[in-house]
Amino acid sequence: LFVDHGGKVRMGAWKACAFIVVSALCDAF
């Protein structure tokens, strides 16, 4: 509602890894 605007975000290797891990946890639970 208040953050996402459908655009790209700057994403380095550590942020990409964090996104993958957190997304996998949310998917599992």
mmCIF file of all heavy atoms, coordinates in Angstrom:
data_MODEL
# 
_entry.id   MODEL 
# 
loop_
_atom_site.group_PDB 
_atom_site.id 
_atom_site.type_symbol 
_atom_site.label_atom_id 
_atom_site.label_alt_id 
_atom_site.label_comp_id 
_atom_site.label_asym_id 
_atom_site.label_entity_id 
_atom_site.label_seq_id 
_atom_site.pdbx_PDB_ins_code 
_atom_site.Cartn_x 
_atom_site.Cartn_y 
_atom_site.Cartn_z 
_atom_site.occupancy 
_atom_site.B_iso_or_equiv 
_atom_site.pdbx_formal_charge 
_atom_site.auth_seq_id 
_atom_site.auth_comp_id 
_atom_site.auth_asym_id 
_atom_site.auth_atom_id 
_atom_site.pdbx_PDB_model_num 
ATOM 1   N N   . LEU A 1 1  ? 0.809  -1.219  0.000   1.00 0.00 ? 1  LEU A N   1 
ATOM 2   C CA  . LEU A 1 1  ? 0.000  0.000   0.000   1.00 0.00 ? 1  LEU A CA  1 
ATOM 3   C C   . LEU A 1 1  ? 0.838  1.263   0.000   1.00 0.00 ? 1  LEU A C   1 
ATOM 4   O O   . LEU A 1 1  ? 0.467  2.266   -0.628  1.00 0.00 ? 1  LEU A O   1 
ATOM 5   C CB  . LEU A 1 1  ? -0.933 0.005   1.220   1.00 0.00 ? 1  LEU A CB  1 
ATOM 6   C CG  . LEU A 1 1  ? -2.172 -0.901  1.139   1.00 0.00 ? 1  LEU A CG  1 
ATOM 7   C CD1 . LEU A 1 1  ? -2.864 -0.958  2.489   1.00 0.00 ? 1  LEU A CD1 1 
ATOM 8   C CD2 . LEU A 1 1  ? -3.132 -0.428  0.059   1.00 0.00 ? 1  LEU A CD2 1 
ATOM 9   N N   . PHE A 1 2  ? 1.984  1.230   0.694   1.00 0.00 ? 2  PHE A N   1 
ATOM 10  C CA  . PHE A 1 2  ? 2.707  2.479   0.921   1.00 0.00 ? 2  PHE A CA  1 
ATOM 11  C C   . PHE A 1 2  ? 4.148  2.510   0.415   1.00 0.00 ? 2  PHE A C   1 
ATOM 12  O O   . PHE A 1 2  ? 4.747  3.581   0.353   1.00 0.00 ? 2  PHE A O   1 
ATOM 13  C CB  . PHE A 1 2  ? 2.729  2.792   2.427   1.00 0.00 ? 2  PHE A CB  1 
ATOM 14  C CG  . PHE A 1 2  ? 1.362  2.933   3.021   1.00 0.00 ? 2  PHE A CG  1 
ATOM 15  C CD1 . PHE A 1 2  ? 0.879  1.978   3.899   1.00 0.00 ? 2  PHE A CD1 1 
ATOM 16  C CD2 . PHE A 1 2  ? 0.548  4.004   2.685   1.00 0.00 ? 2  PHE A CD2 1 
ATOM 17  C CE1 . PHE A 1 2  ? -0.387 2.103   4.457   1.00 0.00 ? 2  PHE A CE1 1 
ATOM 18  C CE2 . PHE A 1 2  ? -0.722 4.135   3.227   1.00 0.00 ? 2  PHE A CE2 1 
ATOM 19  C CZ  . PHE A 1 2  ? -1.190 3.177   4.108   1.00 0.00 ? 2  PHE A CZ  1 
ATOM 20  N N   . VAL A 1 3  ? 4.724  1.348   0.046   1.00 0.00 ? 3  VAL A N   1 
ATOM 21  C CA  . VAL A 1 3  ? 6.131  1.321   -0.339  1.00 0.00 ? 3  VAL A CA  1 
ATOM 22  C C   . VAL A 1 3  ? 6.323  0.955   -1.798  1.00 0.00 ? 3  VAL A C   1 
ATOM 23  O O   . VAL A 1 3  ? 6.969  1.686   -2.551  1.00 0.00 ? 3  VAL A O   1 
ATOM 24  C CB  . VAL A 1 3  ? 6.939  0.342   0.546   1.00 0.00 ? 3  VAL A CB  1 
ATOM 25  C CG1 . VAL A 1 3  ? 8.401  0.307   0.106   1.00 0.00 ? 3  VAL A CG1 1 
ATOM 26  C CG2 . VAL A 1 3  ? 6.824  0.740   2.009   1.00 0.00 ? 3  VAL A CG2 1 
ATOM 27  N N   . ASP A 1 4  ? 5.758  -0.168  -2.221  1.00 0.00 ? 4  ASP A N   1 
ATOM 28  C CA  . ASP A 1 4  ? 6.026  -0.679  -3.562  1.00 0.00 ? 4  ASP A CA  1 
ATOM 29  C C   . ASP A 1 4  ? 5.435  0.232   -4.635  1.00 0.00 ? 4  ASP A C   1 
ATOM 30  O O   . ASP A 1 4  ? 4.288  0.631   -4.568  1.00 0.00 ? 4  ASP A O   1 
ATOM 31  C CB  . ASP A 1 4  ? 5.424  -2.080  -3.726  1.00 0.00 ? 4  ASP A CB  1 
ATOM 32  C CG  . ASP A 1 4  ? 5.627  -2.614  -5.127  1.00 0.00 ? 4  ASP A CG  1 
ATOM 33  O OD1 . ASP A 1 4  ? 6.770  -2.606  -5.600  1.00 0.00 ? 4  ASP A OD1 1 
ATOM 34  O OD2 . ASP A 1 4  ? 4.627  -3.011  -5.753  1.00 0.00 ? 4  ASP A OD2 1 
ATOM 35  N N   . HIS A 1 5  ? 6.248  0.523   -5.656  1.00 0.00 ? 5  HIS A N   1 
ATOM 36  C CA  . HIS A 1 5  ? 5.788  1.302   -6.796  1.00 0.00 ? 5  HIS A CA  1 
ATOM 37  C C   . HIS A 1 5  ? 6.046  0.581   -8.110  1.00 0.00 ? 5  HIS A C   1 
ATOM 38  O O   . HIS A 1 5  ? 5.979  1.172   -9.173  1.00 0.00 ? 5  HIS A O   1 
ATOM 39  C CB  . HIS A 1 5  ? 6.480  2.673   -6.821  1.00 0.00 ? 5  HIS A CB  1 
ATOM 40  C CG  . HIS A 1 5  ? 6.204  3.488   -5.595  1.00 0.00 ? 5  HIS A CG  1 
ATOM 41  N ND1 . HIS A 1 5  ? 4.958  4.016   -5.307  1.00 0.00 ? 5  HIS A ND1 1 
ATOM 42  C CD2 . HIS A 1 5  ? 7.012  3.837   -4.559  1.00 0.00 ? 5  HIS A CD2 1 
ATOM 43  C CE1 . HIS A 1 5  ? 5.008  4.677   -4.162  1.00 0.00 ? 5  HIS A CE1 1 
ATOM 44  N NE2 . HIS A 1 5  ? 6.239  4.580   -3.684  1.00 0.00 ? 5  HIS A NE2 1 
ATOM 45  N N   . GLY A 1 6  ? 6.359  -0.694  -8.022  1.00 0.00 ? 6  GLY A N   1 
ATOM 46  C CA  . GLY A 1 6  ? 6.518  -1.507  -9.213  1.00 0.00 ? 6  GLY A CA  1 
ATOM 47  C C   . GLY A 1 6  ? 7.782  -1.242  -9.993  1.00 0.00 ? 6  GLY A C   1 
ATOM 48  O O   . GLY A 1 6  ? 7.928  -1.687  -11.127 1.00 0.00 ? 6  GLY A O   1 
ATOM 49  N N   . GLY A 1 7  ? 8.730  -0.517  -9.420  1.00 0.00 ? 7  GLY A N   1 
ATOM 50  C CA  . GLY A 1 7  ? 9.946  -0.207  -10.152 1.00 0.00 ? 7  GLY A CA  1 
ATOM 51  C C   . GLY A 1 7  ? 11.110 -1.067  -9.704  1.00 0.00 ? 7  GLY A C   1 
ATOM 52  O O   . GLY A 1 7  ? 10.994 -1.935  -8.843  1.00 0.00 ? 7  GLY A O   1 
ATOM 53  N N   . LYS A 1 8  ? 12.285 -0.823  -10.298 1.00 0.00 ? 8  LYS A N   1 
ATOM 54  C CA  . LYS A 1 8  ? 13.475 -1.563  -9.936  1.00 0.00 ? 8  LYS A CA  1 
ATOM 55  C C   . LYS A 1 8  ? 14.084 -0.996  -8.653  1.00 0.00 ? 8  LYS A C   1 
ATOM 56  O O   . LYS A 1 8  ? 13.911 0.165   -8.316  1.00 0.00 ? 8  LYS A O   1 
ATOM 57  C CB  . LYS A 1 8  ? 14.498 -1.518  -11.069 1.00 0.00 ? 8  LYS A CB  1 
ATOM 58  C CG  . LYS A 1 8  ? 14.071 -2.290  -12.305 1.00 0.00 ? 8  LYS A CG  1 
ATOM 59  C CD  . LYS A 1 8  ? 15.213 -2.425  -13.284 1.00 0.00 ? 8  LYS A CD  1 
ATOM 60  C CE  . LYS A 1 8  ? 14.804 -3.297  -14.466 1.00 0.00 ? 8  LYS A CE  1 
ATOM 61  N NZ  . LYS A 1 8  ? 15.940 -3.554  -15.389 1.00 0.00 ? 8  LYS A NZ  1 
ATOM 62  N N   . VAL A 1 9  ? 14.794 -1.854  -7.960  1.00 0.00 ? 9  VAL A N   1 
ATOM 63  C CA  . VAL A 1 9  ? 15.521 -1.423  -6.775  1.00 0.00 ? 9  VAL A CA  1 
ATOM 64  C C   . VAL A 1 9  ? 16.990 -1.783  -6.968  1.00 0.00 ? 9  VAL A C   1 
ATOM 65  O O   . VAL A 1 9  ? 17.319 -2.723  -7.672  1.00 0.00 ? 9  VAL A O   1 
ATOM 66  C CB  . VAL A 1 9  ? 14.986 -2.120  -5.498  1.00 0.00 ? 9  VAL A CB  1 
ATOM 67  C CG1 . VAL A 1 9  ? 13.572 -1.706  -5.221  1.00 0.00 ? 9  VAL A CG1 1 
ATOM 68  C CG2 . VAL A 1 9  ? 15.077 -3.628  -5.618  1.00 0.00 ? 9  VAL A CG2 1 
ATOM 69  N N   . ARG A 1 10 ? 17.860 -0.988  -6.344  1.00 0.00 ? 10 ARG A N   1 
ATOM 70  C CA  . ARG A 1 10 ? 19.278 -1.305  -6.410  1.00 0.00 ? 10 ARG A CA  1 
ATOM 71  C C   . ARG A 1 10 ? 19.537 -2.535  -5.559  1.00 0.00 ? 10 ARG A C   1 
ATOM 72  O O   . ARG A 1 10 ? 19.141 -2.608  -4.399  1.00 0.00 ? 10 ARG A O   1 
ATOM 73  C CB  . ARG A 1 10 ? 20.099 -0.118  -5.918  1.00 0.00 ? 10 ARG A CB  1 
ATOM 74  C CG  . ARG A 1 10 ? 19.968 1.115   -6.783  1.00 0.00 ? 10 ARG A CG  1 
ATOM 75  C CD  . ARG A 1 10 ? 20.838 2.232   -6.270  1.00 0.00 ? 10 ARG A CD  1 
ATOM 76  N NE  . ARG A 1 10 ? 22.248 1.866   -6.308  1.00 0.00 ? 10 ARG A NE  1 
ATOM 77  C CZ  . ARG A 1 10 ? 23.243 2.624   -5.836  1.00 0.00 ? 10 ARG A CZ  1 
ATOM 78  N NH1 . ARG A 1 10 ? 22.962 3.799   -5.276  1.00 0.00 ? 10 ARG A NH1 1 
ATOM 79  N NH2 . ARG A 1 10 ? 24.492 2.216   -5.904  1.00 0.00 ? 10 ARG A NH2 1 
ATOM 80  N N   . MET A 1 11 ? 20.228 -3.531  -6.137  1.00 0.00 ? 11 MET A N   1 
ATOM 81  C CA  . MET A 1 11 ? 20.362 -4.791  -5.437  1.00 0.00 ? 11 MET A CA  1 
ATOM 82  C C   . MET A 1 11 ? 21.748 -5.390  -5.668  1.00 0.00 ? 11 MET A C   1 
ATOM 83  O O   . MET A 1 11 ? 22.065 -5.843  -6.766  1.00 0.00 ? 11 MET A O   1 
ATOM 84  C CB  . MET A 1 11 ? 19.281 -5.775  -5.914  1.00 0.00 ? 11 MET A CB  1 
ATOM 85  C CG  . MET A 1 11 ? 19.250 -7.082  -5.129  1.00 0.00 ? 11 MET A CG  1 
ATOM 86  S SD  . MET A 1 11 ? 17.922 -8.158  -5.698  1.00 0.00 ? 11 MET A SD  1 
ATOM 87  C CE  . MET A 1 11 ? 16.481 -7.162  -5.360  1.00 0.00 ? 11 MET A CE  1 
ATOM 88  N N   . GLY A 1 12 ? 22.568 -5.367  -4.614  1.00 0.00 ? 12 GLY A N   1 
ATOM 89  C CA  . GLY A 1 12 ? 23.854 -6.026  -4.674  1.00 0.00 ? 12 GLY A CA  1 
ATOM 90  C C   . GLY A 1 12 ? 23.719 -7.497  -4.327  1.00 0.00 ? 12 GLY A C   1 
ATOM 91  O O   . GLY A 1 12 ? 22.616 -8.005  -4.093  1.00 0.00 ? 12 GLY A O   1 
ATOM 92  N N   . ALA A 1 13 ? 24.849 -8.179  -4.248  1.00 0.00 ? 13 ALA A N   1 
ATOM 93  C CA  . ALA A 1 13 ? 24.845 -9.624  -4.011  1.00 0.00 ? 13 ALA A CA  1 
ATOM 94  C C   . ALA A 1 13 ? 24.241 -9.983  -2.656  1.00 0.00 ? 13 ALA A C   1 
ATOM 95  O O   . ALA A 1 13 ? 23.448 -10.920 -2.543  1.00 0.00 ? 13 ALA A O   1 
ATOM 96  C CB  . ALA A 1 13 ? 26.269 -10.167 -4.114  1.00 0.00 ? 13 ALA A CB  1 
ATOM 97  N N   . TRP A 1 14 ? 24.601 -9.203  -1.609  1.00 0.00 ? 14 TRP A N   1 
ATOM 98  C CA  . TRP A 1 14 ? 24.097 -9.519  -0.272  1.00 0.00 ? 14 TRP A CA  1 
ATOM 99  C C   . TRP A 1 14 ? 22.590 -9.293  -0.178  1.00 0.00 ? 14 TRP A C   1 
ATOM 100 O O   . TRP A 1 14 ? 21.868 -10.093 0.432   1.00 0.00 ? 14 TRP A O   1 
ATOM 101 C CB  . TRP A 1 14 ? 24.822 -8.681  0.783   1.00 0.00 ? 14 TRP A CB  1 
ATOM 102 C CG  . TRP A 1 14 ? 26.212 -9.151  1.036   1.00 0.00 ? 14 TRP A CG  1 
ATOM 103 C CD1 . TRP A 1 14 ? 27.373 -8.539  0.648   1.00 0.00 ? 14 TRP A CD1 1 
ATOM 104 C CD2 . TRP A 1 14 ? 26.607 -10.356 1.710   1.00 0.00 ? 14 TRP A CD2 1 
ATOM 105 N NE1 . TRP A 1 14 ? 28.460 -9.282  1.046   1.00 0.00 ? 14 TRP A NE1 1 
ATOM 106 C CE2 . TRP A 1 14 ? 28.023 -10.405 1.704   1.00 0.00 ? 14 TRP A CE2 1 
ATOM 107 C CE3 . TRP A 1 14 ? 25.900 -11.391 2.320   1.00 0.00 ? 14 TRP A CE3 1 
ATOM 108 C CZ2 . TRP A 1 14 ? 28.744 -11.443 2.273   1.00 0.00 ? 14 TRP A CZ2 1 
ATOM 109 C CZ3 . TRP A 1 14 ? 26.620 -12.436 2.899   1.00 0.00 ? 14 TRP A CZ3 1 
ATOM 110 C CH2 . TRP A 1 14 ? 28.018 -12.459 2.867   1.00 0.00 ? 14 TRP A CH2 1 
ATOM 111 N N   . LYS A 1 15 ? 22.106 -8.231  -0.778  1.00 0.00 ? 15 LYS A N   1 
ATOM 112 C CA  . LYS A 1 15 ? 20.672 -7.977  -0.747  1.00 0.00 ? 15 LYS A CA  1 
ATOM 113 C C   . LYS A 1 15 ? 19.924 -9.050  -1.541  1.00 0.00 ? 15 LYS A C   1 
ATOM 114 O O   . LYS A 1 15 ? 18.863 -9.516  -1.118  1.00 0.00 ? 15 LYS A O   1 
ATOM 115 C CB  . LYS A 1 15 ? 20.355 -6.590  -1.325  1.00 0.00 ? 15 LYS A CB  1 
ATOM 116 C CG  . LYS A 1 15 ? 18.870 -6.233  -1.258  1.00 0.00 ? 15 LYS A CG  1 
ATOM 117 C CD  . LYS A 1 15 ? 18.585 -4.845  -1.814  1.00 0.00 ? 15 LYS A CD  1 
ATOM 118 C CE  . LYS A 1 15 ? 19.048 -3.774  -0.864  1.00 0.00 ? 15 LYS A CE  1 
ATOM 119 N NZ  . LYS A 1 15 ? 18.608 -2.422  -1.310  1.00 0.00 ? 15 LYS A NZ  1 
ATOM 120 N N   . ALA A 1 16 ? 20.481 -9.463  -2.675  1.00 0.00 ? 16 ALA A N   1 
ATOM 121 C CA  . ALA A 1 16 ? 19.852 -10.512 -3.484  1.00 0.00 ? 16 ALA A CA  1 
ATOM 122 C C   . ALA A 1 16 ? 19.759 -11.813 -2.685  1.00 0.00 ? 16 ALA A C   1 
ATOM 123 O O   . ALA A 1 16 ? 18.723 -12.489 -2.688  1.00 0.00 ? 16 ALA A O   1 
ATOM 124 C CB  . ALA A 1 16 ? 20.640 -10.730 -4.776  1.00 0.00 ? 16 ALA A CB  1 
ATOM 125 N N   . CYS A 1 17 ? 20.847 -12.163 -1.986  1.00 0.00 ? 17 CYS A N   1 
ATOM 126 C CA  . CYS A 1 17 ? 20.836 -13.382 -1.162  1.00 0.00 ? 17 CYS A CA  1 
ATOM 127 C C   . CYS A 1 17 ? 19.793 -13.288 -0.056  1.00 0.00 ? 17 CYS A C   1 
ATOM 128 O O   . CYS A 1 17 ? 19.081 -14.266 0.230   1.00 0.00 ? 17 CYS A O   1 
ATOM 129 C CB  . CYS A 1 17 ? 22.215 -13.623 -0.559  1.00 0.00 ? 17 CYS A CB  1 
ATOM 130 S SG  . CYS A 1 17 ? 23.474 -14.122 -1.755  1.00 0.00 ? 17 CYS A SG  1 
ATOM 131 N N   . ALA A 1 18 ? 19.703 -12.115 0.571   1.00 0.00 ? 18 ALA A N   1 
ATOM 132 C CA  . ALA A 1 18 ? 18.721 -11.912 1.637   1.00 0.00 ? 18 ALA A CA  1 
ATOM 133 C C   . ALA A 1 18 ? 17.301 -12.063 1.092   1.00 0.00 ? 18 ALA A C   1 
ATOM 134 O O   . ALA A 1 18 ? 16.437 -12.683 1.735   1.00 0.00 ? 18 ALA A O   1 
ATOM 135 C CB  . ALA A 1 18 ? 18.909 -10.541 2.274   1.00 0.00 ? 18 ALA A CB  1 
ATOM 136 N N   . PHE A 1 19 ? 17.046 -11.513 -0.082  1.00 0.00 ? 19 PHE A N   1 
ATOM 137 C CA  . PHE A 1 19 ? 15.726 -11.616 -0.692  1.00 0.00 ? 19 PHE A CA  1 
ATOM 138 C C   . PHE A 1 19 ? 15.369 -13.078 -0.944  1.00 0.00 ? 19 PHE A C   1 
ATOM 139 O O   . PHE A 1 19 ? 14.240 -13.510 -0.697  1.00 0.00 ? 19 PHE A O   1 
ATOM 140 C CB  . PHE A 1 19 ? 15.691 -10.833 -2.008  1.00 0.00 ? 19 PHE A CB  1 
ATOM 141 C CG  . PHE A 1 19 ? 15.352 -9.378  -1.842  1.00 0.00 ? 19 PHE A CG  1 
ATOM 142 C CD1 . PHE A 1 19 ? 15.812 -8.665  -0.757  1.00 0.00 ? 19 PHE A CD1 1 
ATOM 143 C CD2 . PHE A 1 19 ? 14.585 -8.721  -2.788  1.00 0.00 ? 19 PHE A CD2 1 
ATOM 144 C CE1 . PHE A 1 19 ? 15.505 -7.320  -0.593  1.00 0.00 ? 19 PHE A CE1 1 
ATOM 145 C CE2 . PHE A 1 19 ? 14.265 -7.375  -2.633  1.00 0.00 ? 19 PHE A CE2 1 
ATOM 146 C CZ  . PHE A 1 19 ? 14.735 -6.671  -1.540  1.00 0.00 ? 19 PHE A CZ  1 
ATOM 147 N N   . ILE A 1 20 ? 16.331 -13.851 -1.450  1.00 0.00 ? 20 ILE A N   1 
ATOM 148 C CA  . ILE A 1 20 ? 16.085 -15.264 -1.757  1.00 0.00 ? 20 ILE A CA  1 
ATOM 149 C C   . ILE A 1 20 ? 15.777 -16.046 -0.487  1.00 0.00 ? 20 ILE A C   1 
ATOM 150 O O   . ILE A 1 20 ? 14.821 -16.828 -0.432  1.00 0.00 ? 20 ILE A O   1 
ATOM 151 C CB  . ILE A 1 20 ? 17.307 -15.866 -2.490  1.00 0.00 ? 20 ILE A CB  1 
ATOM 152 C CG1 . ILE A 1 20 ? 17.446 -15.248 -3.887  1.00 0.00 ? 20 ILE A CG1 1 
ATOM 153 C CG2 . ILE A 1 20 ? 17.172 -17.390 -2.599  1.00 0.00 ? 20 ILE A CG2 1 
ATOM 154 C CD1 . ILE A 1 20 ? 18.754 -15.575 -4.575  1.00 0.00 ? 20 ILE A CD1 1 
ATOM 155 N N   . VAL A 1 21 ? 16.580 -15.832 0.557   1.00 0.00 ? 21 VAL A N   1 
ATOM 156 C CA  . VAL A 1 21 ? 16.401 -16.586 1.804   1.00 0.00 ? 21 VAL A CA  1 
ATOM 157 C C   . VAL A 1 21 ? 15.081 -16.228 2.482   1.00 0.00 ? 21 VAL A C   1 
ATOM 158 O O   . VAL A 1 21 ? 14.309 -17.115 2.882   1.00 0.00 ? 21 VAL A O   1 
ATOM 159 C CB  . VAL A 1 21 ? 17.588 -16.313 2.767   1.00 0.00 ? 21 VAL A CB  1 
ATOM 160 C CG1 . VAL A 1 21 ? 17.296 -16.891 4.154   1.00 0.00 ? 21 VAL A CG1 1 
ATOM 161 C CG2 . VAL A 1 21 ? 18.865 -16.923 2.208   1.00 0.00 ? 21 VAL A CG2 1 
ATOM 162 N N   . VAL A 1 22 ? 14.798 -14.942 2.618   1.00 0.00 ? 22 VAL A N   1 
ATOM 163 C CA  . VAL A 1 22 ? 13.559 -14.512 3.276   1.00 0.00 ? 22 VAL A CA  1 
ATOM 164 C C   . VAL A 1 22 ? 12.335 -14.973 2.477   1.00 0.00 ? 22 VAL A C   1 
ATOM 165 O O   . VAL A 1 22 ? 11.340 -15.431 3.044   1.00 0.00 ? 22 VAL A O   1 
ATOM 166 C CB  . VAL A 1 22 ? 13.536 -12.985 3.470   1.00 0.00 ? 22 VAL A CB  1 
ATOM 167 C CG1 . VAL A 1 22 ? 12.181 -12.528 4.012   1.00 0.00 ? 22 VAL A CG1 1 
ATOM 168 C CG2 . VAL A 1 22 ? 14.648 -12.561 4.421   1.00 0.00 ? 22 VAL A CG2 1 
ATOM 169 N N   . SER A 1 23 ? 12.410 -14.881 1.167   1.00 0.00 ? 23 SER A N   1 
ATOM 170 C CA  . SER A 1 23 ? 11.310 -15.320 0.319   1.00 0.00 ? 23 SER A CA  1 
ATOM 171 C C   . SER A 1 23 ? 11.071 -16.814 0.476   1.00 0.00 ? 23 SER A C   1 
ATOM 172 O O   . SER A 1 23 ? 9.922  -17.271 0.556   1.00 0.00 ? 23 SER A O   1 
ATOM 173 C CB  . SER A 1 23 ? 11.613 -14.988 -1.144  1.00 0.00 ? 23 SER A CB  1 
ATOM 174 O OG  . SER A 1 23 ? 10.540 -15.379 -1.974  1.00 0.00 ? 23 SER A OG  1 
ATOM 175 N N   . ALA A 1 24 ? 12.154 -17.588 0.536   1.00 0.00 ? 24 ALA A N   1 
ATOM 176 C CA  . ALA A 1 24 ? 12.026 -19.037 0.715   1.00 0.00 ? 24 ALA A CA  1 
ATOM 177 C C   . ALA A 1 24 ? 11.385 -19.380 2.056   1.00 0.00 ? 24 ALA A C   1 
ATOM 178 O O   . ALA A 1 24 ? 10.549 -20.292 2.150   1.00 0.00 ? 24 ALA A O   1 
ATOM 179 C CB  . ALA A 1 24 ? 13.398 -19.696 0.598   1.00 0.00 ? 24 ALA A CB  1 
ATOM 180 N N   . LEU A 1 25 ? 11.763 -18.654 3.115   1.00 0.00 ? 25 LEU A N   1 
ATOM 181 C CA  . LEU A 1 25 ? 11.170 -18.888 4.429   1.00 0.00 ? 25 LEU A CA  1 
ATOM 182 C C   . LEU A 1 25 ? 9.681  -18.562 4.433   1.00 0.00 ? 25 LEU A C   1 
ATOM 183 O O   . LEU A 1 25 ? 8.864  -19.316 4.985   1.00 0.00 ? 25 LEU A O   1 
ATOM 184 C CB  . LEU A 1 25 ? 11.892 -18.037 5.479   1.00 0.00 ? 25 LEU A CB  1 
ATOM 185 C CG  . LEU A 1 25 ? 13.336 -18.435 5.797   1.00 0.00 ? 25 LEU A CG  1 
ATOM 186 C CD1 . LEU A 1 25 ? 13.985 -17.410 6.718   1.00 0.00 ? 25 LEU A CD1 1 
ATOM 187 C CD2 . LEU A 1 25 ? 13.380 -19.824 6.428   1.00 0.00 ? 25 LEU A CD2 1 
ATOM 188 N N   . CYS A 1 26 ? 9.308  -17.435 3.803   1.00 0.00 ? 26 CYS A N   1 
ATOM 189 C CA  . CYS A 1 26 ? 7.892  -17.052 3.725   1.00 0.00 ? 26 CYS A CA  1 
ATOM 190 C C   . CYS A 1 26 ? 7.103  -18.070 2.902   1.00 0.00 ? 26 CYS A C   1 
ATOM 191 O O   . CYS A 1 26 ? 5.953  -18.397 3.221   1.00 0.00 ? 26 CYS A O   1 
ATOM 192 C CB  . CYS A 1 26 ? 7.756  -15.661 3.110   1.00 0.00 ? 26 CYS A CB  1 
ATOM 193 S SG  . CYS A 1 26 ? 8.389  -14.332 4.156   1.00 0.00 ? 26 CYS A SG  1 
ATOM 194 N N   . ASP A 1 27 ? 7.726  -18.569 1.862   1.00 0.00 ? 27 ASP A N   1 
ATOM 195 C CA  . ASP A 1 27 ? 7.083  -19.583 1.024   1.00 0.00 ? 27 ASP A CA  1 
ATOM 196 C C   . ASP A 1 27 ? 6.840  -20.851 1.822   1.00 0.00 ? 27 ASP A C   1 
ATOM 197 O O   . ASP A 1 27 ? 5.763  -21.447 1.779   1.00 0.00 ? 27 ASP A O   1 
ATOM 198 C CB  . ASP A 1 27 ? 7.978  -19.880 -0.184  1.00 0.00 ? 27 ASP A CB  1 
ATOM 199 C CG  . ASP A 1 27 ? 7.267  -20.678 -1.267  1.00 0.00 ? 27 ASP A CG  1 
ATOM 200 O OD1 . ASP A 1 27 ? 6.160  -21.204 -0.999  1.00 0.00 ? 27 ASP A OD1 1 
ATOM 201 O OD2 . ASP A 1 27 ? 7.801  -20.781 -2.380  1.00 0.00 ? 27 ASP A OD2 1 
ATOM 202 N N   . ALA A 1 28 ? 7.845  -21.284 2.574   1.00 0.00 ? 28 ALA A N   1 
ATOM 203 C CA  . ALA A 1 28 ? 7.742  -22.532 3.334   1.00 0.00 ? 28 ALA A CA  1 
ATOM 204 C C   . ALA A 1 28 ? 6.697  -22.454 4.434   1.00 0.00 ? 28 ALA A C   1 
ATOM 205 O O   . ALA A 1 28 ? 5.879  -23.368 4.602   1.00 0.00 ? 28 ALA A O   1 
ATOM 206 C CB  . ALA A 1 28 ? 9.104  -22.881 3.934   1.00 0.00 ? 28 ALA A CB  1 
ATOM 207 N N   . PHE A 1 29 ? 6.720  -21.374 5.211   1.00 0.00 ? 29 PHE A N   1 
ATOM 208 C CA  . PHE A 1 29 ? 5.831  -21.278 6.365   1.00 0.00 ? 29 PHE A CA  1 
ATOM 209 C C   . PHE A 1 29 ? 4.442  -20.754 6.022   1.00 0.00 ? 29 PHE A C   1 
ATOM 210 O O   . PHE A 1 29 ? 3.455  -21.175 6.623   1.00 0.00 ? 29 PHE A O   1 
ATOM 211 C CB  . PHE A 1 29 ? 6.465  -20.368 7.428   1.00 0.00 ? 29 PHE A CB  1 
ATOM 212 C CG  . PHE A 1 29 ? 7.559  -21.021 8.209   1.00 0.00 ? 29 PHE A CG  1 
ATOM 213 C CD1 . PHE A 1 29 ? 8.884  -20.708 7.964   1.00 0.00 ? 29 PHE A CD1 1 
ATOM 214 C CD2 . PHE A 1 29 ? 7.275  -21.960 9.186   1.00 0.00 ? 29 PHE A CD2 1 
ATOM 215 C CE1 . PHE A 1 29 ? 9.910  -21.306 8.676   1.00 0.00 ? 29 PHE A CE1 1 
ATOM 216 C CE2 . PHE A 1 29 ? 8.279  -22.573 9.913   1.00 0.00 ? 29 PHE A CE2 1 
ATOM 217 C CZ  . PHE A 1 29 ? 9.607  -22.248 9.656   1.00 0.00 ? 29 PHE A CZ  1 
# 
